[in-house]
Amino acid sequence: MATERTQRINTIIALAVLGLVIATVCVIGSITYGKTNEIMQGQMEVTEYRVSSKVPGRILEFRVKEGQVVKAGDTLAIIEAPEVMAKKAQAEAVKTAAKALNEKAEGGAREEQIQGAYELWQKAIVNRDIWEKSFKRVSNLFKEGVVSEQKYDETKAQYDAAIATEKAAKSQYDMAVKGAQQEDKDMAAAKVAQANGVVAEVDSYIHETFLLAYADGEVTDIFPHIGELVGTGAPIMNIAMMDDMWATFNVREDHLSKLPLGSRFTAEFPALRGASVVMEVNYMKDRGDYAAWKATKQTGQYDLKTFEVRAVPVTKVEGLRPGMTVIYRIGEEKK
């Protein structure tokens, strides 16, 4: 009898424990039903700019290494371009010649040239006076019938030529005194300006042989090696702007309502020992038809499209690096 009684007690206890377990499971299930968390995984990205050269040449020297932090204006690399230096010498020679022509045009004729033109003019005046007197005598004799008409015509032609020669000599003298015409001066000045422009252009190419950092950042990639030839616009290195990082997620459109633009949420960074960081959504765009879809038509519903959502840390996070994994648990309460 005692044994049966003990068995009944044990059975009752077992049933009570089983009922308690079932009740506990039901309570937990009722509390957590519909509140399961879904993990959304993304990664950190960074803005980069590419350093390249306008002039072809050979890599002469690198002033930085991959992973090095640089400031805006720092010299990153030097390119050897002997062709540019040769063009510099040519441009300087053209500038010197143009400057000499301009000075000559502005300064006018030299004193010796003016004096020589004056002497020729005076000589032409004397020659004109002589033929003027000869023509008068021959003219009087022609009227008296002493000389022939041919002699008269020859003398008149010589006198007319002497007048023309005197006028030409006077013009040469006036030109020497006045100097070059204004048009010639303007043309000479324009040639100087053109030569200065060529020199400035070559100087800009020489400046481009020194590759400078456009903004603060970190050198992520260096493509050529020292001594290699690079062409115009060829990429030399990439600089990551570490102050401009963001997280990117691929989000199904049925979750977009949980991440509207301007909203904030708390994300985890496994690489930072699970540190929690408040992020703010600042960008949203569909991935296009080529992106992955979630097919639901078999259940009589519709396909779910994928969107790219970007978010930036609200505050600066020490140790944050591009490529780090970002975890967002959708079911958790947003901060």
Protein backbone atom coordinates (compact mmCIF):
# COMPACT_ATOMS: atom_id res chain seq x y z
CA MET A 1 0.00 0.00 0.00
CA ALA A 2 2.82 2.33 0.88
CA THR A 3 4.45 1.70 -2.47
CA GLU A 4 1.30 2.54 -4.46
CA ARG A 5 0.80 5.65 -2.42
CA THR A 6 4.37 6.76 -3.13
CA GLN A 7 3.88 6.17 -6.86
CA ARG A 8 0.70 8.25 -6.88
CA ILE A 9 2.50 11.11 -5.13
CA ASN A 10 5.39 10.96 -7.60
CA THR A 11 2.94 10.94 -10.51
CA ILE A 12 1.13 13.98 -9.15
CA ILE A 13 4.44 15.82 -8.66
CA ALA A 14 5.56 14.95 -12.21
CA LEU A 15 2.26 16.15 -13.67
CA ALA A 16 2.51 19.35 -11.65
CA VAL A 17 6.06 20.01 -12.86
CA LEU A 18 5.03 19.29 -16.47
CA GLY A 19 2.09 21.65 -16.17
CA LEU A 20 4.33 24.32 -14.71
CA VAL A 21 6.79 23.93 -17.59
CA ILE A 22 3.97 24.12 -20.18
CA ALA A 23 2.56 27.21 -18.50
CA THR A 24 5.97 28.88 -18.43
CA VAL A 25 6.52 28.16 -22.12
CA CYS A 26 3.09 29.55 -22.96
CA VAL A 27 3.71 32.73 -20.99
CA ILE A 28 7.10 33.29 -22.61
CA GLY A 29 5.69 32.55 -26.04
CA SER A 30 2.80 34.94 -25.54
CA ILE A 31 5.22 37.66 -24.48
CA THR A 32 7.74 37.19 -27.29
CA TYR A 33 5.30 36.27 -30.07
CA GLY A 34 5.68 38.69 -33.00
CA LYS A 35 8.65 40.40 -31.34
CA THR A 36 11.53 38.41 -32.76
CA ASN A 37 14.55 40.46 -33.80
CA GLU A 38 15.83 40.39 -37.37
CA ILE A 39 19.50 41.20 -37.88
CA MET A 40 20.47 43.62 -40.65
CA GLN A 41 24.15 43.60 -41.60
CA GLY A 42 26.03 46.38 -43.37
CA GLN A 43 29.53 47.75 -43.59
CA MET A 44 31.34 51.04 -43.27
CA GLU A 45 32.35 52.92 -46.41
CA VAL A 46 34.51 56.02 -46.90
CA THR A 47 34.84 58.80 -49.46
CA GLU A 48 38.03 58.50 -51.52
CA TYR A 49 39.67 60.71 -54.09
CA ARG A 50 42.15 59.60 -56.72
CA VAL A 51 45.48 61.35 -57.21
CA SER A 52 46.68 61.60 -60.82
CA SER A 53 48.97 63.78 -62.94
CA LYS A 54 48.24 66.04 -65.90
CA VAL A 55 51.64 65.36 -67.45
CA PRO A 56 53.19 62.05 -68.52
CA GLY A 57 56.49 61.09 -66.98
CA ARG A 58 58.40 58.67 -64.79
CA ILE A 59 57.82 58.21 -61.05
CA LEU A 60 60.91 59.75 -59.48
CA GLU A 61 60.00 59.61 -55.80
CA PHE A 62 57.21 58.74 -53.37
CA ARG A 63 56.96 60.93 -50.29
CA VAL A 64 54.29 58.77 -48.57
CA LYS A 65 53.47 55.11 -47.97
CA GLU A 66 50.23 53.15 -47.84
CA GLY A 67 48.46 53.68 -44.53
CA GLN A 68 50.12 57.04 -43.91
CA VAL A 69 47.98 59.98 -42.80
CA VAL A 70 48.43 63.12 -44.93
CA LYS A 71 47.31 66.73 -44.70
CA ALA A 72 45.99 68.93 -47.51
CA GLY A 73 48.93 70.34 -49.48
CA ASP A 74 51.41 67.60 -48.54
CA THR A 75 53.66 66.40 -51.37
CA LEU A 76 52.75 62.82 -52.20
CA ALA A 77 55.00 62.00 -55.17
CA ILE A 78 57.33 63.61 -57.71
CA ILE A 79 57.23 62.87 -61.44
CA GLU A 80 60.24 63.34 -63.71
CA ALA A 81 59.23 65.00 -67.00
CA PRO A 82 62.27 66.17 -69.04
CA GLU A 83 60.03 67.06 -72.00
CA VAL A 84 58.28 69.67 -69.87
CA MET A 85 61.59 71.21 -68.84
CA ALA A 86 62.61 71.42 -72.52
CA LYS A 87 59.35 73.22 -73.30
CA LYS A 88 60.13 75.60 -70.45
CA ALA A 89 63.43 76.59 -72.11
CA GLN A 90 61.67 77.10 -75.45
CA ALA A 91 58.97 79.23 -73.84
CA GLU A 92 61.55 81.40 -72.09
CA ALA A 93 63.37 81.97 -75.40
CA VAL A 94 60.15 83.01 -77.12
CA LYS A 95 59.38 85.35 -74.23
CA THR A 96 62.82 86.99 -74.49
CA ALA A 97 62.45 87.56 -78.24
CA ALA A 98 58.95 88.98 -77.87
CA LYS A 99 60.11 91.32 -75.10
CA ALA A 100 62.97 92.60 -77.28
CA LEU A 101 60.61 93.34 -80.17
CA ASN A 102 58.24 95.15 -77.84
CA GLU A 103 61.03 97.30 -76.41
CA LYS A 104 62.16 98.18 -79.93
CA ALA A 105 58.63 99.16 -80.93
CA GLU A 106 58.11 101.26 -77.80
CA GLY A 107 61.55 102.88 -77.92
CA GLY A 108 61.35 103.88 -81.59
CA ALA A 109 64.32 104.36 -83.95
CA ARG A 110 67.79 104.98 -82.60
CA GLU A 111 69.39 108.42 -82.82
CA GLU A 112 71.76 107.25 -85.57
CA GLN A 113 68.82 106.04 -87.65
CA ILE A 114 67.03 109.35 -87.23
CA GLN A 115 70.14 111.30 -88.20
CA GLY A 116 70.70 109.12 -91.25
CA ALA A 117 67.10 109.63 -92.40
CA TYR A 118 67.49 113.37 -91.92
CA GLU A 119 70.67 113.45 -94.05
CA LEU A 120 68.94 111.55 -96.86
CA TRP A 121 66.06 114.00 -96.71
CA GLN A 122 68.40 116.97 -96.94
CA LYS A 123 70.21 115.36 -99.86
CA ALA A 124 66.88 114.85 -101.61
CA ILE A 125 66.02 118.53 -101.06
CA VAL A 126 69.30 119.65 -102.66
CA ASN A 127 68.73 117.31 -105.61
CA ARG A 128 65.21 118.66 -106.05
CA ASP A 129 66.45 122.26 -106.01
CA ILE A 130 69.04 121.50 -108.70
CA TRP A 131 66.50 119.86 -111.01
CA GLU A 132 64.02 122.66 -110.32
CA LYS A 133 66.53 125.23 -111.59
CA SER A 134 67.46 123.06 -114.56
CA PHE A 135 63.81 122.64 -115.48
CA LYS A 136 63.20 126.40 -115.34
CA ARG A 137 66.14 127.09 -117.69
CA VAL A 138 65.15 124.35 -120.13
CA SER A 139 61.56 125.53 -119.99
CA ASN A 140 62.57 129.08 -120.97
CA LEU A 141 64.80 127.81 -123.78
CA PHE A 142 61.99 125.53 -124.99
CA LYS A 143 59.65 128.51 -125.20
CA GLU A 144 62.26 130.34 -127.31
CA GLY A 145 62.65 127.31 -129.54
CA VAL A 146 66.28 126.71 -128.61
CA VAL A 147 65.88 123.18 -127.17
CA SER A 148 63.83 120.32 -128.48
CA GLU A 149 60.64 119.05 -126.92
CA GLN A 150 62.38 115.77 -126.02
CA LYS A 151 64.96 117.65 -123.94
CA TYR A 152 62.13 119.52 -122.22
CA ASP A 153 60.28 116.27 -121.40
CA GLU A 154 63.43 114.59 -120.07
CA THR A 155 64.22 117.55 -117.79
CA LYS A 156 60.63 117.71 -116.50
CA ALA A 157 60.70 113.96 -115.74
CA GLN A 158 63.93 114.36 -113.78
CA TYR A 159 62.43 117.26 -111.82
CA ASP A 160 59.26 115.31 -111.01
CA ALA A 161 61.37 112.35 -109.86
CA ALA A 162 63.44 114.64 -107.62
CA ILE A 163 60.22 115.96 -106.02
CA ALA A 164 59.00 112.42 -105.38
CA THR A 165 62.36 111.38 -103.94
CA GLU A 166 62.32 114.35 -101.58
CA LYS A 167 58.82 113.46 -100.36
CA ALA A 168 59.83 109.85 -99.77
CA ALA A 169 62.92 110.89 -97.83
CA LYS A 170 60.77 113.26 -95.73
CA SER A 171 58.36 110.38 -94.92
CA GLN A 172 61.23 108.13 -93.86
CA TYR A 173 62.54 110.86 -91.60
CA ASP A 174 59.11 111.48 -90.04
CA MET A 175 58.67 107.74 -89.46
CA ALA A 176 62.06 107.51 -87.76
CA VAL A 177 61.16 110.42 -85.49
CA LYS A 178 57.69 109.11 -84.56
CA GLY A 179 58.82 105.52 -84.15
CA ALA A 180 56.68 102.45 -84.86
CA GLN A 181 52.98 102.75 -85.60
CA GLN A 182 50.50 102.13 -82.79
CA GLU A 183 49.36 98.95 -84.50
CA ASP A 184 52.94 97.64 -84.49
CA LYS A 185 53.27 98.52 -80.81
CA ASP A 186 50.01 96.73 -79.99
CA MET A 187 51.13 93.68 -81.95
CA ALA A 188 54.47 93.58 -80.14
CA ALA A 189 52.74 93.91 -76.77
CA ALA A 190 50.34 91.12 -77.71
CA LYS A 191 53.26 88.84 -78.58
CA VAL A 192 54.76 89.51 -75.15
CA ALA A 193 51.45 88.63 -73.49
CA GLN A 194 51.22 85.48 -75.59
CA ALA A 195 54.75 84.47 -74.61
CA ASN A 196 53.95 85.09 -70.93
CA GLY A 197 50.90 82.85 -71.28
CA VAL A 198 52.99 80.04 -72.76
CA VAL A 199 55.51 80.35 -69.91
CA ALA A 200 52.69 80.29 -67.34
CA GLU A 201 51.21 77.19 -68.99
CA VAL A 202 54.54 75.36 -68.88
CA ASP A 203 55.02 76.45 -65.25
CA SER A 204 51.64 74.92 -64.43
CA TYR A 205 52.76 71.64 -66.00
CA ILE A 206 55.96 71.75 -63.94
CA HIS A 207 53.83 72.31 -60.85
CA GLU A 208 51.82 69.21 -61.78
CA THR A 209 54.96 67.07 -61.54
CA PHE A 210 54.63 67.53 -57.77
CA LEU A 211 51.52 65.62 -56.73
CA LEU A 212 49.86 67.24 -53.71
CA ALA A 213 47.15 66.04 -51.35
CA TYR A 214 43.81 67.67 -52.13
CA ALA A 215 42.40 67.11 -48.63
CA ASP A 216 43.27 65.44 -45.34
CA GLY A 217 43.08 61.66 -45.41
CA GLU A 218 44.87 58.34 -45.38
CA VAL A 219 46.75 56.73 -48.26
CA THR A 220 44.93 53.49 -49.07
CA ASP A 221 46.48 52.39 -52.38
CA ILE A 222 49.60 53.24 -54.38
CA PHE A 223 49.48 51.81 -57.90
CA PRO A 224 52.80 52.36 -59.77
CA HIS A 225 56.32 51.74 -58.51
CA ILE A 226 59.32 54.07 -58.55
CA GLY A 227 60.78 54.31 -62.05
CA GLU A 228 57.59 53.33 -63.86
CA LEU A 229 56.14 55.50 -66.62
CA VAL A 230 52.69 56.99 -66.08
CA GLY A 231 50.47 58.65 -68.66
CA THR A 232 48.29 61.74 -68.48
CA GLY A 233 45.50 61.20 -65.98
CA ALA A 234 46.82 57.80 -64.89
CA PRO A 235 45.89 56.99 -61.26
CA ILE A 236 48.83 57.24 -58.89
CA MET A 237 47.19 56.61 -55.52
CA ASN A 238 43.91 56.74 -53.58
CA ILE A 239 43.35 58.88 -50.50
CA ALA A 240 40.54 58.01 -48.07
CA MET A 241 38.90 60.97 -46.30
CA MET A 242 38.53 59.33 -42.89
CA ASP A 243 36.25 62.08 -41.60
CA ASP A 244 33.63 61.16 -44.19
CA MET A 245 32.54 57.59 -43.38
CA TRP A 246 29.10 56.06 -43.49
CA ALA A 247 27.39 52.69 -43.10
CA THR A 248 25.59 51.12 -46.04
CA PHE A 249 22.82 48.51 -45.77
CA ASN A 250 20.80 46.53 -48.30
CA VAL A 251 17.25 46.77 -46.96
CA ARG A 252 14.10 45.04 -48.20
CA GLU A 253 11.36 47.51 -48.83
CA ASP A 254 9.10 45.97 -46.19
CA HIS A 255 11.64 47.18 -43.60
CA LEU A 256 12.03 50.73 -44.98
CA SER A 257 9.32 52.03 -42.66
CA LYS A 258 11.62 51.24 -39.75
CA LEU A 259 14.45 53.35 -41.26
CA PRO A 260 12.96 56.58 -42.64
CA LEU A 261 15.22 59.43 -43.66
CA GLY A 262 16.42 61.37 -40.65
CA SER A 263 15.64 58.58 -38.20
CA ARG A 264 18.17 57.32 -35.69
CA PHE A 265 18.95 53.80 -34.55
CA THR A 266 21.58 52.00 -32.49
CA ALA A 267 24.06 49.77 -34.32
CA GLU A 268 26.71 47.39 -33.08
CA PHE A 269 30.30 47.09 -34.29
CA PRO A 270 31.81 43.63 -33.69
CA ALA A 271 35.28 44.95 -34.50
CA LEU A 272 34.93 47.48 -31.66
CA ARG A 273 34.01 44.78 -29.13
CA GLY A 274 30.33 45.18 -29.82
CA ALA A 275 30.30 48.91 -29.13
CA SER A 276 26.89 50.51 -29.66
CA VAL A 277 26.80 53.63 -31.83
CA VAL A 278 23.85 55.87 -32.64
CA MET A 279 23.45 56.23 -36.43
CA GLU A 280 21.30 58.61 -38.47
CA VAL A 281 19.80 57.69 -41.87
CA ASN A 282 20.78 60.27 -44.51
CA TYR A 283 20.43 58.47 -47.87
CA MET A 284 18.03 56.03 -49.50
CA LYS A 285 17.94 54.73 -53.09
CA ASP A 286 16.63 51.64 -54.85
CA ARG A 287 19.20 49.16 -56.04
CA GLY A 288 17.63 48.84 -59.52
CA ASP A 289 16.13 45.88 -61.32
CA TYR A 290 19.47 44.07 -61.39
CA ALA A 291 19.50 43.82 -57.57
CA ALA A 292 18.24 40.85 -55.61
CA TRP A 293 14.48 40.54 -55.16
CA LYS A 294 12.62 38.40 -52.68
CA ALA A 295 10.00 36.42 -54.63
CA THR A 296 6.65 36.04 -52.86
CA LYS A 297 4.36 35.47 -55.86
CA GLN A 298 4.07 31.78 -55.02
CA THR A 299 2.01 32.81 -52.04
CA GLY A 300 -0.14 35.12 -54.16
CA GLN A 301 1.60 38.29 -52.97
CA TYR A 302 4.31 40.42 -54.63
CA ASP A 303 8.09 40.73 -55.03
CA LEU A 304 10.05 42.75 -52.47
CA LYS A 305 12.63 45.15 -53.89
CA THR A 306 16.00 45.98 -52.29
CA PHE A 307 17.05 49.52 -51.33
CA GLU A 308 20.41 50.92 -50.32
CA VAL A 309 20.21 52.81 -47.04
CA ARG A 310 23.09 54.85 -45.70
CA ALA A 311 23.59 56.11 -42.18
CA VAL A 312 26.31 58.18 -40.50
CA PRO A 313 27.47 58.08 -36.89
CA VAL A 314 25.94 60.91 -34.87
CA THR A 315 29.18 61.36 -32.94
CA LYS A 316 32.79 60.60 -33.80
CA VAL A 317 33.76 56.98 -33.09
CA GLU A 318 37.37 56.24 -32.21
CA GLY A 319 38.88 53.32 -34.07
CA LEU A 320 36.18 53.23 -36.75
CA ARG A 321 37.54 51.97 -40.08
CA PRO A 322 36.13 51.43 -43.58
CA GLY A 323 35.04 47.85 -44.18
CA MET A 324 33.97 47.18 -40.58
CA THR A 325 30.77 45.21 -40.12
CA VAL A 326 27.73 47.07 -38.78
CA ILE A 327 24.88 45.17 -37.10
CA TYR A 328 21.38 46.55 -36.62
CA ARG A 329 18.76 44.47 -34.83
CA ILE A 330 15.52 45.59 -36.38
CA GLY A 331 13.26 44.43 -33.57
CA GLU A 332 15.06 46.46 -30.92
CA GLU A 333 13.79 49.82 -29.83
CA LYS A 334 15.33 52.71 -31.75
CA LYS A 335 17.20 55.34 -29.81
